[in-house]
Amino acid sequence: MRHVFVRPTLPRSEPELCAPGVRVWPPARHGDLFAPAIRSGDVVVLIDGVYHQAPALRHKEILAALDRGRG
């Protein structure tokens, strides 16, 4: 499964985001990479994230996800 954190950079109707095996998420925020839906071996694509509206995704979360095989 490929998990894509996106909006507003690409519209949800973008053909690559409509492909089978792609799950579209809203912009990444703190804690999103620990979602149970993201499993070891899945691919995570970070395109957009929040910074002022909510706590931002931290680099330590990305490193932790990579250590668990979520990259």
N, C-alpha and C. Protein backbone atom coordinates (compact mmCIF):
# COMPACT_ATOMS: atom_id res chain seq x y z
N MET A 1 0.85 -1.17 0.00
CA MET A 1 0.00 0.00 0.00
C MET A 1 0.90 1.24 0.00
N ARG A 2 0.48 2.24 -0.74
CA ARG A 2 1.17 3.53 -0.75
C ARG A 2 0.28 4.56 -0.07
N HIS A 3 0.82 5.26 0.88
CA HIS A 3 0.10 6.28 1.64
C HIS A 3 0.67 7.64 1.24
N VAL A 4 -0.20 8.50 0.72
CA VAL A 4 0.25 9.80 0.22
C VAL A 4 -0.41 10.89 1.06
N PHE A 5 0.41 11.69 1.73
CA PHE A 5 -0.07 12.83 2.50
C PHE A 5 0.01 14.05 1.60
N VAL A 6 -1.15 14.55 1.17
CA VAL A 6 -1.18 15.61 0.17
C VAL A 6 -2.42 16.48 0.31
N ARG A 7 -2.37 17.65 -0.20
CA ARG A 7 -3.37 18.70 -0.32
C ARG A 7 -2.76 19.92 0.29
N PRO A 8 -2.69 20.97 -0.28
CA PRO A 8 -3.34 21.44 -1.50
C PRO A 8 -2.47 21.32 -2.75
N THR A 9 -1.27 20.77 -2.65
CA THR A 9 -0.37 20.73 -3.80
C THR A 9 -1.00 20.01 -5.00
N LEU A 10 -1.62 18.87 -4.76
CA LEU A 10 -2.27 18.12 -5.83
C LEU A 10 -3.74 17.92 -5.49
N PRO A 11 -4.62 18.00 -6.48
CA PRO A 11 -6.03 17.71 -6.21
C PRO A 11 -6.23 16.21 -6.03
N ARG A 12 -7.26 15.85 -5.30
CA ARG A 12 -7.56 14.43 -5.07
C ARG A 12 -7.84 13.70 -6.37
N SER A 13 -8.24 14.42 -7.41
CA SER A 13 -8.57 13.80 -8.69
C SER A 13 -7.33 13.51 -9.54
N GLU A 14 -6.14 13.85 -9.07
CA GLU A 14 -4.90 13.57 -9.81
C GLU A 14 -4.84 12.07 -10.12
N PRO A 15 -4.59 11.69 -11.38
CA PRO A 15 -4.62 10.26 -11.75
C PRO A 15 -3.73 9.37 -10.89
N GLU A 16 -2.55 9.85 -10.51
CA GLU A 16 -1.66 9.01 -9.69
C GLU A 16 -2.26 8.73 -8.31
N LEU A 17 -3.09 9.64 -7.83
CA LEU A 17 -3.70 9.44 -6.52
C LEU A 17 -4.93 8.55 -6.58
N CYS A 18 -5.43 8.27 -7.78
CA CYS A 18 -6.61 7.42 -7.95
C CYS A 18 -6.22 5.98 -8.28
N ALA A 19 -4.93 5.70 -8.35
CA ALA A 19 -4.46 4.36 -8.71
C ALA A 19 -4.78 3.36 -7.61
N PRO A 20 -4.98 2.09 -7.98
CA PRO A 20 -5.20 1.05 -6.97
C PRO A 20 -4.00 0.96 -6.02
N GLY A 21 -4.28 0.73 -4.77
CA GLY A 21 -3.21 0.58 -3.79
C GLY A 21 -2.68 1.89 -3.24
N VAL A 22 -3.34 3.00 -3.56
CA VAL A 22 -2.93 4.31 -3.05
C VAL A 22 -3.99 4.82 -2.09
N ARG A 23 -3.57 5.17 -0.89
CA ARG A 23 -4.48 5.77 0.07
C ARG A 23 -4.05 7.22 0.26
N VAL A 24 -4.99 8.14 0.03
CA VAL A 24 -4.70 9.57 0.14
C VAL A 24 -5.09 10.05 1.54
N TRP A 25 -4.16 10.74 2.17
CA TRP A 25 -4.36 11.30 3.50
C TRP A 25 -4.31 12.83 3.40
N PRO A 26 -4.88 13.51 4.37
CA PRO A 26 -4.72 14.97 4.40
C PRO A 26 -3.26 15.31 4.73
N PRO A 27 -2.89 16.59 4.67
CA PRO A 27 -1.51 16.96 4.99
C PRO A 27 -1.04 16.35 6.31
N ALA A 28 0.20 15.90 6.33
CA ALA A 28 0.75 15.21 7.50
C ALA A 28 0.86 16.16 8.69
N ARG A 29 0.59 15.60 9.85
CA ARG A 29 0.74 16.34 11.10
C ARG A 29 1.36 15.41 12.13
N HIS A 30 1.68 15.95 13.26
CA HIS A 30 2.31 15.19 14.34
C HIS A 30 1.52 13.91 14.64
N GLY A 31 2.20 12.78 14.63
CA GLY A 31 1.60 11.51 14.99
C GLY A 31 1.02 10.71 13.83
N ASP A 32 0.88 11.29 12.66
CA ASP A 32 0.24 10.59 11.54
C ASP A 32 0.99 9.33 11.11
N LEU A 33 2.29 9.32 11.21
CA LEU A 33 3.04 8.14 10.75
C LEU A 33 2.89 6.94 11.68
N PHE A 34 2.24 7.14 12.82
CA PHE A 34 1.98 6.03 13.74
C PHE A 34 0.58 5.46 13.58
N ALA A 35 -0.14 5.87 12.54
CA ALA A 35 -1.49 5.36 12.28
C ALA A 35 -1.43 3.84 12.07
N PRO A 36 -2.36 3.10 12.65
CA PRO A 36 -2.35 1.64 12.49
C PRO A 36 -2.52 1.19 11.03
N ALA A 37 -3.10 2.03 10.19
CA ALA A 37 -3.29 1.67 8.79
C ALA A 37 -1.98 1.61 8.02
N ILE A 38 -0.94 2.28 8.54
CA ILE A 38 0.37 2.26 7.89
C ILE A 38 1.17 1.11 8.50
N ARG A 39 1.44 0.12 7.68
CA ARG A 39 2.10 -1.09 8.17
C ARG A 39 3.53 -1.19 7.67
N SER A 40 4.27 -2.04 8.30
CA SER A 40 5.65 -2.29 7.87
C SER A 40 5.65 -2.73 6.42
N GLY A 41 6.53 -2.15 5.64
CA GLY A 41 6.62 -2.47 4.22
C GLY A 41 5.82 -1.55 3.32
N ASP A 42 4.91 -0.77 3.88
CA ASP A 42 4.16 0.21 3.09
C ASP A 42 5.07 1.37 2.70
N VAL A 43 4.68 2.07 1.67
CA VAL A 43 5.42 3.25 1.21
C VAL A 43 4.66 4.49 1.65
N VAL A 44 5.36 5.43 2.25
CA VAL A 44 4.76 6.69 2.69
C VAL A 44 5.36 7.82 1.86
N VAL A 45 4.49 8.64 1.27
CA VAL A 45 4.92 9.78 0.47
C VAL A 45 4.43 11.04 1.17
N LEU A 46 5.36 11.88 1.57
CA LEU A 46 5.02 13.14 2.23
C LEU A 46 5.16 14.27 1.22
N ILE A 47 4.03 14.84 0.82
CA ILE A 47 4.04 15.96 -0.12
C ILE A 47 3.69 17.24 0.62
N ASP A 48 2.65 17.19 1.44
CA ASP A 48 2.20 18.36 2.18
C ASP A 48 2.10 18.03 3.66
N GLY A 49 2.25 19.07 4.47
CA GLY A 49 2.10 18.93 5.91
C GLY A 49 1.57 20.22 6.50
N VAL A 50 1.08 20.12 7.72
CA VAL A 50 0.60 21.31 8.43
C VAL A 50 1.73 21.84 9.31
N TYR A 51 1.72 23.13 9.54
CA TYR A 51 2.78 23.73 10.35
C TYR A 51 2.23 24.72 11.36
N HIS A 52 1.21 25.45 11.01
CA HIS A 52 0.68 26.46 11.92
C HIS A 52 -0.66 26.06 12.51
N GLN A 53 -1.45 25.28 11.78
CA GLN A 53 -2.80 24.93 12.22
C GLN A 53 -2.82 23.85 13.29
N ALA A 54 -1.79 23.01 13.34
CA ALA A 54 -1.71 21.88 14.27
C ALA A 54 -0.23 21.56 14.47
N PRO A 55 0.09 20.74 15.47
CA PRO A 55 1.50 20.35 15.64
C PRO A 55 2.04 19.66 14.38
N ALA A 56 3.21 20.08 13.94
CA ALA A 56 3.81 19.57 12.70
C ALA A 56 4.45 18.20 12.90
N LEU A 57 4.57 17.48 11.81
CA LEU A 57 5.30 16.22 11.79
C LEU A 57 6.75 16.51 12.13
N ARG A 58 7.34 15.71 13.00
CA ARG A 58 8.72 15.94 13.42
C ARG A 58 9.66 14.97 12.74
N HIS A 59 10.88 15.39 12.58
CA HIS A 59 11.86 14.53 11.92
C HIS A 59 12.07 13.22 12.68
N LYS A 60 11.92 13.24 13.99
CA LYS A 60 12.08 12.01 14.79
C LYS A 60 11.00 10.99 14.45
N GLU A 61 9.80 11.46 14.08
CA GLU A 61 8.73 10.54 13.67
C GLU A 61 9.10 9.85 12.36
N ILE A 62 9.70 10.60 11.45
CA ILE A 62 10.10 10.01 10.18
C ILE A 62 11.20 8.97 10.42
N LEU A 63 12.17 9.30 11.26
CA LEU A 63 13.23 8.34 11.58
C LEU A 63 12.69 7.09 12.26
N ALA A 64 11.75 7.27 13.18
CA ALA A 64 11.14 6.13 13.87
C ALA A 64 10.38 5.25 12.87
N ALA A 65 9.66 5.87 11.93
CA ALA A 65 8.92 5.10 10.93
C ALA A 65 9.89 4.32 10.03
N LEU A 66 11.01 4.94 9.67
CA LEU A 66 12.00 4.24 8.86
C LEU A 66 12.59 3.05 9.63
N ASP A 67 12.81 3.22 10.92
CA ASP A 67 13.33 2.12 11.74
C ASP A 67 12.35 0.95 11.81
N ARG A 68 11.06 1.25 11.73
CA ARG A 68 10.04 0.20 11.77
C ARG A 68 9.76 -0.38 10.39
N GLY A 69 10.45 0.10 9.38
CA GLY A 69 10.20 -0.41 8.03
C GLY A 69 9.07 0.28 7.32
N ARG A 70 8.68 1.46 7.81
CA ARG A 70 7.61 2.23 7.18
C ARG A 70 8.22 3.37 6.40
N GLY A 71 8.78 3.14 5.28
CA GLY A 71 9.40 4.22 4.56
C GLY A 71 9.15 4.11 3.12
